[in-house]
Amino acid sequence: PLGAILGFADILRRGVGSERARAGYLDTIRTSGQHLLTLINDILDLSKIEAGRMECERTRCSPHEILAEVASLLRVRAHEKGLRLDCEWTTPVPETIVTDPARLRQLLMNLATNAIKFTEDGHVTIRAAVYPDRPEPRFVCEIEDTGIGIQAEHLDRIFLPFDQADNSITRKFGGTGLGLAISRRIAEELGGTITVESEPGVGSTFRTTLATGSLDSVPMLDRLFCDALQSTSRVAPQELPQNALPPIRVLLVEDGQTNRELISLVLTEAGADVDCAENGKVGVEKAGRDAFDLILMDMQMPVMDGYTATRTLRSQGCTVPIVALTAHAMRGDREKCLAAGCSGYLSKPVQIDRMIDAIREAVGGSPEFKRPAGDVSRPNGVPLAAPAAGPIVSTLPIQLPKFRRIVDEFAGKLDERLCEMEAAREAGNWDELARLAHWLKGAGGTVGFDCLTEPAQRLELSAKQRSPEVAARSLAELRELADRIAPIAV
């Protein structure tokens, strides 16, 4: 890929070719650059493995959220090849398991990306299950494709570094043969294995089995609930054009001048109004003075870094989505950004399509997106999005029966959960209050009641900080919002 990058860059520098041809050269440079970045990341991972330095953390995370994220990221790639990508659970889903979320995400991305790459026609299906009743609870994920398949005598070779089943595969499909070697080692580090069944011309099924940690007292989600929520990503009757943003104001906090110019240009062309800050201190000042719909925050900056700036904004009551930008690809870096208060995470070098998608998701993605009417802000000037007065209706397509049932079930148990939160606050049971608030923070937005997410987040933070006054205010706000949730007309 480096040869293609240098060669076509030199052609462009010389001004060779028509405008259409030059656009093709740029596409080749971009594709080759992405290939080179993937190759470098794979080699870095392999070097850690061979040095015995691949570390995996153990923390509680949501397997449903990780699987949904992987499916969402790859669905566009599958669609571009004319493939159907399905994702389903075959058992009830634990709210959390104990594993390394970043490595689990990498493992599933590797296997699913491979399945798409080697499938020319048909489908790719991600099928997941958790078996809590075995001596050791296990998470099992099967990725099935209708691709080219693998000869039986080659099945052992595909997990070796720099090896592929057939040399012609490299020429036709590309790749280095590192992905499966890395994936198997990740699985082993996470207390599991990868196996494969394949038939040439029919397809392959890669099965990953991983330890989950104890599932005692872990709430179980209905599998149909999770499947229906994942399918909401396909229900978009009024999607924006590709690379288009709603008319939003974005604050870009980035110390690199080149990055500021590039990202500002991209977002402006996509329809956003962009203001810039060169470090976290200036960013905090601008966010406190002006209203923004989203903040892009570089995490490594002089004067004040992004972690400190994000924590400062959240402590001031800022509820605007903050998406982290970081050049780090270290273990736990994504979780560190989220723990600081970021709503999302993008690694550098930023891929334009992925950045646009992340911003659209953070602000709602609808062409009709508008900033809340009126001057709704905190006393310190940090904007606070709040729903207008009147009934609150789920943004899910509740005209469809399966979504109507999901929203109905959530609304039906919301009052009970709020009573449990109030009881936990009065008893000073801060851990239980934080757990319940964390559930509501994720579940509320998932079922289409985004207005519950931010007060639930404040409630969770107040519980962790053991602040009874803030907790009482947040609970009162949640109760008021819950009372306004409109019943679903049958």
Protein backbone atom coordinates (compact mmCIF):
# COMPACT_ATOMS: atom_id res chain seq x y z
CA PRO A 1 0.00 0.00 0.00
CA LEU A 2 2.87 2.43 0.66
CA GLY A 3 3.99 2.16 -2.97
CA ALA A 4 0.52 3.06 -4.19
CA ILE A 5 0.30 6.02 -1.81
CA LEU A 6 3.65 7.47 -2.88
CA GLY A 7 3.11 6.73 -6.57
CA PHE A 8 -0.33 8.28 -6.90
CA ALA A 9 0.64 11.22 -4.66
CA ASP A 10 3.50 11.95 -7.07
CA ILE A 11 1.12 11.76 -10.06
CA LEU A 12 -1.24 14.24 -8.36
CA ARG A 13 1.68 16.55 -7.54
CA ARG A 14 2.58 16.63 -11.24
CA GLY A 15 -1.01 17.48 -12.22
CA VAL A 16 -1.39 14.41 -14.43
CA GLY A 17 -4.85 13.19 -15.49
CA SER A 18 -8.38 14.51 -15.84
CA GLU A 19 -10.47 15.63 -12.87
CA ARG A 20 -12.26 12.27 -12.85
CA ALA A 21 -8.97 10.38 -13.02
CA ARG A 22 -7.51 12.44 -10.16
CA ALA A 23 -10.57 11.62 -8.03
CA GLY A 24 -9.81 7.96 -8.69
CA TYR A 25 -6.18 8.45 -7.66
CA LEU A 26 -7.34 10.01 -4.38
CA ASP A 27 -9.66 7.06 -3.73
CA THR A 28 -6.72 4.72 -4.27
CA ILE A 29 -4.54 6.72 -1.87
CA ARG A 30 -7.28 6.68 0.77
CA THR A 31 -7.91 2.94 0.42
CA SER A 32 -4.18 2.19 0.51
CA GLY A 33 -3.75 4.38 3.58
CA GLN A 34 -6.50 2.51 5.42
CA HIS A 35 -4.89 -0.79 4.40
CA LEU A 36 -1.51 0.42 5.67
CA LEU A 37 -3.01 1.54 8.98
CA THR A 38 -4.67 -1.86 9.46
CA LEU A 39 -1.39 -3.60 8.64
CA ILE A 40 0.56 -1.49 11.16
CA ASN A 41 -2.01 -2.11 13.91
CA ASP A 42 -1.96 -5.86 13.23
CA ILE A 43 1.85 -6.00 13.33
CA LEU A 44 1.89 -4.05 16.61
CA ASP A 45 -0.62 -6.48 18.12
CA LEU A 46 1.36 -9.48 16.85
CA SER A 47 4.59 -8.09 18.31
CA LYS A 48 2.90 -7.75 21.71
CA ILE A 49 1.64 -11.33 21.45
CA GLU A 50 5.06 -12.73 20.53
CA ALA A 51 6.67 -10.76 23.37
CA GLY A 52 4.08 -12.10 25.81
CA ARG A 53 2.91 -8.55 26.51
CA MET A 54 -0.69 -8.65 25.33
CA GLU A 55 -2.63 -7.62 28.40
CA CYS A 56 -6.37 -7.96 28.86
CA GLU A 57 -8.31 -6.21 31.57
CA ARG A 58 -11.34 -7.61 33.35
CA THR A 59 -14.27 -5.26 33.78
CA ARG A 60 -18.06 -5.42 33.64
CA CYS A 61 -19.45 -4.45 30.25
CA SER A 62 -22.58 -4.98 28.18
CA PRO A 63 -22.27 -7.81 25.60
CA HIS A 64 -25.44 -6.56 23.89
CA GLU A 65 -23.98 -3.07 23.38
CA ILE A 66 -20.69 -4.43 22.04
CA LEU A 67 -22.42 -6.78 19.61
CA ALA A 68 -24.80 -4.04 18.46
CA GLU A 69 -21.87 -1.68 17.87
CA VAL A 70 -20.01 -4.26 15.77
CA ALA A 71 -23.12 -4.99 13.69
CA SER A 72 -23.82 -1.29 13.20
CA LEU A 73 -20.26 -0.55 12.04
CA LEU A 74 -20.17 -3.44 9.56
CA ARG A 75 -23.71 -3.28 8.19
CA VAL A 76 -22.76 -0.50 5.74
CA ARG A 77 -19.75 -2.48 4.51
CA ALA A 78 -21.93 -5.55 3.96
CA HIS A 79 -24.56 -3.47 2.16
CA GLU A 80 -21.92 -2.07 -0.21
CA LYS A 81 -21.17 -5.66 -1.29
CA GLY A 82 -24.86 -6.49 -1.65
CA LEU A 83 -24.80 -8.78 1.41
CA ARG A 84 -27.32 -9.11 4.23
CA LEU A 85 -25.84 -8.80 7.73
CA ASP A 86 -28.00 -10.22 10.53
CA CYS A 87 -27.31 -10.14 14.24
CA GLU A 88 -29.35 -12.14 16.73
CA TRP A 89 -29.35 -13.57 20.25
CA THR A 90 -30.55 -17.13 20.83
CA THR A 91 -30.71 -16.97 24.65
CA PRO A 92 -31.58 -14.34 27.28
CA VAL A 93 -28.81 -11.74 27.45
CA PRO A 94 -27.02 -10.80 30.70
CA GLU A 95 -26.93 -7.07 31.31
CA THR A 96 -23.17 -7.36 31.91
CA ILE A 97 -20.35 -9.89 31.73
CA VAL A 98 -16.75 -9.67 32.96
CA THR A 99 -14.26 -9.40 30.10
CA ASP A 100 -12.07 -6.90 28.24
CA PRO A 101 -14.56 -4.85 26.18
CA ALA A 102 -11.96 -3.42 23.81
CA ARG A 103 -10.45 -6.83 23.03
CA LEU A 104 -13.88 -8.48 22.70
CA ARG A 105 -14.87 -5.75 20.24
CA GLN A 106 -11.60 -6.27 18.29
CA LEU A 107 -12.12 -10.04 18.19
CA LEU A 108 -15.68 -9.83 16.87
CA MET A 109 -14.74 -7.11 14.37
CA ASN A 110 -11.89 -9.26 13.02
CA LEU A 111 -14.08 -12.32 12.52
CA ALA A 112 -17.06 -10.44 11.06
CA THR A 113 -14.85 -8.36 8.75
CA ASN A 114 -13.24 -11.56 7.48
CA ALA A 115 -16.65 -13.08 6.83
CA ILE A 116 -17.72 -10.06 4.77
CA LYS A 117 -14.42 -9.94 2.87
CA PHE A 118 -14.61 -13.57 1.74
CA THR A 119 -18.33 -13.54 0.89
CA GLU A 120 -19.38 -12.41 -2.58
CA ASP A 121 -23.06 -13.33 -2.41
CA GLY A 122 -25.58 -14.22 0.28
CA HIS A 123 -25.37 -13.28 3.93
CA VAL A 124 -23.29 -12.99 7.10
CA THR A 125 -25.01 -13.86 10.39
CA ILE A 126 -23.71 -13.03 13.87
CA ARG A 127 -25.42 -15.36 16.33
CA ALA A 128 -24.73 -14.96 20.07
CA ALA A 129 -25.72 -16.77 23.25
CA VAL A 130 -24.78 -16.92 26.93
CA TYR A 131 -25.01 -20.16 28.90
CA PRO A 132 -25.07 -19.32 32.63
CA ASP A 133 -25.90 -22.83 33.90
CA ARG A 134 -22.65 -24.52 32.89
CA PRO A 135 -19.95 -25.11 35.55
CA GLU A 136 -18.35 -21.93 34.19
CA PRO A 137 -20.73 -19.49 32.43
CA ARG A 138 -19.82 -18.97 28.78
CA PHE A 139 -20.43 -16.41 26.03
CA VAL A 140 -20.67 -18.07 22.62
CA CYS A 141 -20.69 -16.15 19.34
CA GLU A 142 -20.97 -17.78 15.93
CA ILE A 143 -20.22 -15.83 12.75
CA GLU A 144 -21.62 -17.66 9.75
CA ASP A 145 -21.07 -16.71 6.12
CA THR A 146 -21.97 -18.01 2.67
CA GLY A 147 -18.49 -17.28 1.35
CA ILE A 148 -15.79 -19.18 -0.47
CA GLY A 149 -15.20 -21.71 2.31
CA ILE A 150 -11.94 -23.43 3.30
CA GLN A 151 -10.52 -26.83 2.38
CA ALA A 152 -10.38 -29.21 5.38
CA GLU A 153 -6.59 -29.64 5.08
CA HIS A 154 -6.11 -25.87 5.38
CA LEU A 155 -8.19 -25.28 8.53
CA ASP A 156 -5.20 -25.52 10.90
CA ARG A 157 -3.07 -23.12 8.84
CA ILE A 158 -5.47 -20.18 8.88
CA PHE A 159 -4.63 -19.37 12.51
CA LEU A 160 -0.88 -19.09 11.81
CA PRO A 161 0.63 -15.57 11.42
CA PHE A 162 1.16 -14.39 7.81
CA ASP A 163 -0.54 -17.53 6.48
CA GLN A 164 -3.65 -17.94 4.37
CA ALA A 165 -5.32 -21.06 3.07
CA ASP A 166 -4.27 -20.35 -0.52
CA ASN A 167 -1.77 -17.86 -1.97
CA SER A 168 -4.35 -16.85 -4.57
CA ILE A 169 -6.52 -15.53 -1.72
CA THR A 170 -4.00 -12.79 -0.98
CA ARG A 171 -3.97 -11.74 -4.63
CA LYS A 172 -7.77 -11.69 -4.92
CA PHE A 173 -8.92 -10.48 -1.50
CA GLY A 174 -5.84 -8.83 0.01
CA GLY A 175 -4.87 -9.06 3.67
CA THR A 176 -1.85 -10.25 5.62
CA GLY A 177 -3.08 -13.40 7.34
CA LEU A 178 -2.66 -11.80 10.78
CA GLY A 179 -6.29 -11.24 11.76
CA LEU A 180 -7.16 -14.82 12.71
CA ALA A 181 -3.86 -15.39 14.52
CA ILE A 182 -4.49 -12.30 16.64
CA SER A 183 -8.13 -13.26 17.20
CA ARG A 184 -7.25 -16.72 18.51
CA ARG A 185 -4.72 -15.27 20.97
CA ILE A 186 -7.27 -12.71 22.17
CA ALA A 187 -9.77 -15.52 22.71
CA GLU A 188 -7.20 -17.48 24.72
CA GLU A 189 -6.39 -14.41 26.84
CA LEU A 190 -10.11 -13.99 27.54
CA GLY A 191 -10.38 -17.58 28.75
CA GLY A 192 -11.76 -19.13 25.60
CA THR A 193 -11.19 -20.61 22.16
CA ILE A 194 -12.03 -20.17 18.48
CA THR A 195 -13.08 -23.10 16.30
CA VAL A 196 -14.13 -23.22 12.66
CA GLU A 197 -16.33 -25.38 10.45
CA SER A 198 -16.17 -24.83 6.71
CA GLU A 199 -17.14 -26.29 3.36
CA PRO A 200 -15.64 -24.98 0.11
CA GLY A 201 -18.20 -23.17 -1.99
CA VAL A 202 -20.77 -23.23 0.83
CA GLY A 203 -19.33 -21.05 3.59
CA SER A 204 -17.73 -21.01 7.03
CA THR A 205 -18.79 -20.70 10.66
CA PHE A 206 -16.31 -19.36 13.22
CA ARG A 207 -17.34 -20.09 16.80
CA THR A 208 -15.89 -18.10 19.71
CA THR A 209 -16.39 -19.32 23.27
CA LEU A 210 -15.32 -17.00 26.11
CA ALA A 211 -15.55 -16.85 29.89
CA THR A 212 -18.12 -14.39 31.27
CA GLY A 213 -17.23 -14.27 34.95
CA SER A 214 -19.91 -14.83 37.55
CA LEU A 215 -23.48 -14.11 36.44
CA ASP A 216 -24.97 -14.37 39.92
CA SER A 217 -27.50 -11.55 40.48
CA VAL A 218 -26.88 -10.16 36.98
CA PRO A 219 -30.21 -9.11 35.39
CA MET A 220 -31.09 -10.94 32.17
CA LEU A 221 -32.54 -9.08 29.18
CA ASP A 222 -35.06 -10.66 26.85
CA ARG A 223 -33.31 -11.77 23.63
CA LEU A 224 -36.19 -10.50 21.46
CA PHE A 225 -35.84 -7.12 23.17
CA CYS A 226 -32.16 -6.95 22.17
CA ASP A 227 -32.82 -8.17 18.62
CA ALA A 228 -35.56 -5.58 18.13
CA LEU A 229 -33.35 -2.78 19.40
CA GLN A 230 -30.56 -3.80 17.03
CA SER A 231 -33.00 -3.75 14.13
CA THR A 232 -33.88 -0.11 14.84
CA SER A 233 -30.68 0.83 13.04
CA ARG A 234 -32.38 -0.38 9.84
CA VAL A 235 -35.55 1.65 10.42
CA ALA A 236 -34.63 5.06 9.02
CA PRO A 237 -37.36 6.34 6.71
CA GLN A 238 -35.85 9.83 6.47
CA GLU A 239 -32.14 9.23 6.61
CA LEU A 240 -29.73 12.02 5.83
CA PRO A 241 -27.74 11.80 2.61
CA GLN A 242 -24.33 10.21 3.01
CA ASN A 243 -21.81 12.53 4.70
CA ALA A 244 -24.52 15.10 5.53
CA LEU A 245 -25.16 16.55 8.98
CA PRO A 246 -28.17 18.34 10.40
CA PRO A 247 -27.71 22.11 10.93
CA ILE A 248 -25.78 21.84 14.20
CA ARG A 249 -23.12 23.88 16.00
CA VAL A 250 -19.96 21.93 16.76
CA LEU A 251 -17.13 22.97 19.08
CA LEU A 252 -13.85 21.39 17.93
CA VAL A 253 -11.23 21.35 20.71
CA GLU A 254 -7.94 20.32 19.08
CA ASP A 255 -4.38 21.61 19.51
CA GLY A 256 -3.09 20.52 16.09
CA GLN A 257 -3.62 23.26 13.51
CA THR A 258 -3.66 20.83 10.57
CA ASN A 259 -6.23 18.61 12.27
CA ARG A 260 -8.36 21.67 13.12
CA GLU A 261 -8.32 22.80 9.50
CA LEU A 262 -9.08 19.33 8.11
CA ILE A 263 -11.91 18.47 10.53
CA SER A 264 -13.42 21.96 10.28
CA LEU A 265 -13.44 21.72 6.49
CA VAL A 266 -15.10 18.29 6.53
CA LEU A 267 -17.79 19.29 9.04
CA THR A 268 -18.51 22.60 7.33
CA GLU A 269 -18.91 20.85 3.97
CA ALA A 270 -21.29 18.40 5.69
CA GLY A 271 -23.51 21.27 6.85
CA ALA A 272 -22.32 21.99 10.40
CA ASP A 273 -21.32 25.34 11.91
CA VAL A 274 -17.88 24.83 13.50
CA ASP A 275 -16.07 26.84 16.17
CA CYS A 276 -12.56 25.87 17.29
CA ALA A 277 -10.52 25.94 20.49
CA GLU A 278 -6.80 25.18 20.65
CA ASN A 279 -6.77 23.58 24.11
CA GLY A 280 -9.10 22.33 26.83
CA LYS A 281 -9.05 25.58 28.81
CA VAL A 282 -10.27 27.62 25.85
CA GLY A 283 -12.76 24.88 25.04
CA VAL A 284 -14.29 24.98 28.53
CA GLU A 285 -14.56 28.78 28.31
CA LYS A 286 -16.29 28.66 24.92
CA ALA A 287 -18.66 25.87 25.97
CA GLY A 288 -19.65 27.89 29.02
CA ARG A 289 -20.26 31.03 26.98
CA ASP A 290 -21.95 29.75 23.81
CA ALA A 291 -24.49 27.05 22.96
CA PHE A 292 -23.25 24.00 21.03
CA ASP A 293 -24.96 20.80 19.94
CA LEU A 294 -21.80 18.68 20.11
CA ILE A 295 -18.17 18.91 21.24
CA LEU A 296 -15.29 17.07 19.53
CA MET A 297 -12.55 16.82 22.17
CA ASP A 298 -8.91 15.93 21.55
CA MET A 299 -7.70 14.15 24.67
CA GLN A 300 -3.98 15.04 24.53
CA MET A 301 -3.44 18.82 24.56
CA PRO A 302 -1.24 21.38 26.31
CA VAL A 303 -2.55 23.77 29.00
CA MET A 304 -5.57 21.53 29.76
CA ASP A 305 -6.02 18.05 28.32
CA GLY A 306 -9.30 16.61 27.07
CA TYR A 307 -9.88 14.39 30.10
CA THR A 308 -9.68 17.35 32.47
CA ALA A 309 -11.76 19.55 30.17
CA THR A 310 -14.48 16.90 29.86
CA ARG A 311 -14.63 16.30 33.62
CA THR A 312 -14.79 20.06 34.18
CA LEU A 313 -17.68 20.49 31.75
CA ARG A 314 -19.61 17.57 33.23
CA SER A 315 -19.09 18.90 36.76
CA GLN A 316 -20.56 22.22 35.60
CA GLY A 317 -23.68 20.45 34.35
CA CYS A 318 -22.85 20.32 30.64
CA THR A 319 -25.04 17.69 28.98
CA VAL A 320 -23.93 18.25 25.38
CA PRO A 321 -22.52 15.09 23.70
CA ILE A 322 -18.71 15.07 23.89
CA VAL A 323 -16.93 12.79 21.40
CA ALA A 324 -13.30 12.00 22.23
CA LEU A 325 -10.53 12.22 19.63
CA THR A 326 -7.35 10.37 20.55
CA ALA A 327 -4.30 8.99 18.81
CA HIS A 328 -3.98 6.32 21.48
CA ALA A 329 -4.79 2.71 20.68
CA MET A 330 -3.92 1.44 24.15
CA ARG A 331 -5.78 -1.11 26.24
CA GLY A 332 -8.65 0.54 28.08
CA ASP A 333 -8.22 3.91 26.36
CA ARG A 334 -11.81 3.96 25.11
CA GLU A 335 -13.11 3.14 28.58
CA LYS A 336 -10.89 5.88 30.08
CA CYS A 337 -12.51 8.44 27.76
CA LEU A 338 -16.01 7.26 28.63
CA ALA A 339 -15.17 7.30 32.34
CA ALA A 340 -14.13 10.96 32.02
CA GLY A 341 -17.62 11.74 30.73
CA CYS A 342 -17.29 11.42 26.96
CA SER A 343 -20.34 10.24 25.03
CA GLY A 344 -18.36 8.59 22.24
CA TYR A 345 -14.86 7.81 21.03
CA LEU A 346 -12.96 8.18 17.74
CA SER A 347 -9.35 7.10 17.26
CA LYS A 348 -6.91 9.05 15.08
CA PRO A 349 -6.30 9.24 12.23
CA VAL A 350 -10.00 10.04 12.05
CA GLN A 351 -11.85 8.41 9.17
CA ILE A 352 -14.29 10.94 7.73
CA ASP A 353 -17.23 8.57 7.21
CA ARG A 354 -16.88 7.16 10.71
CA MET A 355 -16.68 10.65 12.23
CA ILE A 356 -19.80 11.81 10.38
CA ASP A 357 -21.66 8.67 11.48
CA ALA A 358 -20.60 9.18 15.10
CA ILE A 359 -21.74 12.81 15.09
CA ARG A 360 -25.06 11.97 13.44
CA GLU A 361 -25.68 9.26 16.03
CA ALA A 362 -24.75 11.57 18.92
CA VAL A 363 -27.13 14.35 17.86
CA GLY A 364 -29.99 12.14 16.72
CA GLY A 365 -29.31 11.88 12.99
CA SER A 366 -32.69 13.21 11.85
CA PRO A 367 -33.01 15.83 9.10
CA GLU A 368 -35.58 17.54 11.31
CA PHE A 369 -33.05 17.82 14.19
CA LYS A 370 -33.31 21.22 15.82
CA ARG A 371 -31.83 22.76 18.92
CA PRO A 372 -34.41 22.95 21.73
CA ALA A 373 -36.46 26.12 21.46
CA GLY A 374 -35.73 28.93 23.86
CA ASP A 375 -32.71 29.69 26.00
CA VAL A 376 -32.51 26.45 27.96
CA SER A 377 -29.26 26.66 29.88
CA ARG A 378 -27.66 26.22 33.27
CA PRO A 379 -26.99 29.28 35.43
CA ASN A 380 -23.31 29.04 34.50
CA GLY A 381 -24.16 29.27 30.81
CA VAL A 382 -23.54 25.63 29.89
CA PRO A 383 -26.41 24.56 27.60
CA LEU A 384 -28.81 21.93 28.86
CA ALA A 385 -31.08 20.20 26.34
CA ALA A 386 -34.56 19.76 27.80
CA PRO A 387 -37.76 18.44 26.23
CA ALA A 388 -40.52 20.90 25.53
CA ALA A 389 -43.56 20.84 27.81
CA GLY A 390 -46.27 18.33 27.00
CA PRO A 391 -46.46 14.56 26.47
CA ILE A 392 -43.22 12.70 25.76
CA VAL A 393 -43.36 10.09 23.00
CA SER A 394 -40.77 7.42 22.17
CA THR A 395 -38.73 8.03 19.03
CA LEU A 396 -38.88 4.31 18.16
CA PRO A 397 -41.26 3.33 15.33
CA ILE A 398 -44.05 2.32 17.76
CA GLN A 399 -46.43 1.80 14.84
CA LEU A 400 -44.69 -1.58 14.56
CA PRO A 401 -45.99 -4.11 17.13
CA LYS A 402 -42.60 -5.37 18.35
CA PHE A 403 -41.40 -1.85 19.12
CA ARG A 404 -44.73 -0.91 20.71
CA ARG A 405 -44.37 -3.87 23.07
CA ILE A 406 -40.80 -2.90 24.02
CA VAL A 407 -41.76 0.68 24.82
CA ASP A 408 -44.87 -0.47 26.70
CA GLU A 409 -42.82 -2.83 28.87
CA PHE A 410 -40.26 -0.14 29.66
CA ALA A 411 -42.89 2.46 30.55
CA GLY A 412 -44.70 -0.10 32.69
CA LYS A 413 -41.70 -0.81 34.91
CA LEU A 414 -40.28 2.73 35.00
CA ASP A 415 -42.38 3.81 38.00
CA GLU A 416 -41.25 0.74 39.97
CA ARG A 417 -37.59 1.44 39.17
CA LEU A 418 -37.94 5.10 40.22
CA CYS A 419 -39.45 3.97 43.53
CA GLU A 420 -36.46 1.66 44.01
CA MET A 421 -34.13 4.60 43.32
CA GLU A 422 -35.91 6.81 45.83
CA ALA A 423 -35.75 4.06 48.44
CA ALA A 424 -32.02 3.57 47.79
CA ARG A 425 -31.37 7.31 48.15
CA GLU A 426 -33.32 7.53 51.42
CA ALA A 427 -31.45 4.49 52.80
CA GLY A 428 -28.09 5.88 51.71
CA ASN A 429 -27.50 2.82 49.51
CA TRP A 430 -25.38 4.70 46.98
CA ASP A 431 -24.06 1.64 45.12
CA GLU A 432 -27.60 0.41 44.43
CA LEU A 433 -28.69 3.90 43.37
CA ALA A 434 -25.72 4.17 40.98
CA ARG A 435 -26.54 0.75 39.50
CA LEU A 436 -30.19 1.64 38.91
CA ALA A 437 -29.30 5.05 37.46
CA HIS A 438 -26.77 3.42 35.13
CA TRP A 439 -29.49 1.07 33.90
CA LEU A 440 -31.87 3.96 33.23
CA LYS A 441 -29.14 5.99 31.51
CA GLY A 442 -28.74 3.28 28.87
CA ALA A 443 -32.25 1.85 28.72
CA GLY A 444 -34.08 5.18 28.45
CA GLY A 445 -32.29 6.29 25.31
CA THR A 446 -32.37 2.79 23.85
CA VAL A 447 -36.17 2.66 23.90
CA GLY A 448 -36.50 6.16 22.45
CA PHE A 449 -36.76 8.36 25.56
CA ASP A 450 -33.54 10.33 25.14
CA CYS A 451 -34.72 12.96 27.62
CA LEU A 452 -34.13 10.46 30.46
CA THR A 453 -30.47 9.84 29.62
CA GLU A 454 -28.91 13.05 30.91
CA PRO A 455 -30.75 13.31 34.27
CA ALA A 456 -30.04 9.60 34.81
CA GLN A 457 -26.37 10.28 34.12
CA ARG A 458 -26.37 13.11 36.67
CA LEU A 459 -28.11 10.82 39.15
CA GLU A 460 -25.47 8.12 38.64
CA LEU A 461 -22.69 10.66 39.16
CA SER A 462 -24.36 12.06 42.29
CA ALA A 463 -24.66 8.53 43.71
CA LYS A 464 -20.97 7.84 43.09
CA GLN A 465 -20.12 11.17 44.75
CA ARG A 466 -22.63 10.51 47.58
CA SER A 467 -24.37 13.83 47.05
CA PRO A 468 -27.94 13.60 48.47
CA GLU A 469 -29.02 17.06 47.29
CA VAL A 470 -28.05 16.52 43.64
CA ALA A 471 -29.53 13.01 43.76
CA ALA A 472 -32.84 14.37 45.05
CA ARG A 473 -32.99 17.00 42.30
CA SER A 474 -32.15 14.46 39.59
CA LEU A 475 -34.77 12.03 40.88
CA ALA A 476 -37.39 14.77 40.95
CA GLU A 477 -36.53 15.65 37.35
CA LEU A 478 -36.77 12.00 36.29
CA ARG A 479 -40.10 11.60 38.07
CA GLU A 480 -41.49 14.69 36.30
CA LEU A 481 -40.33 13.38 32.92
CA ALA A 482 -41.71 9.89 33.61
CA ASP A 483 -45.13 11.34 34.47
CA ARG A 484 -45.21 12.97 31.02
CA ILE A 485 -44.53 9.80 29.05
CA ALA A 486 -47.58 9.42 26.85
CA PRO A 487 -49.51 6.13 26.88
CA ILE A 488 -49.35 4.28 23.57
CA ALA A 489 -52.57 4.39 21.62
CA VAL A 490 -53.58 0.92 20.44
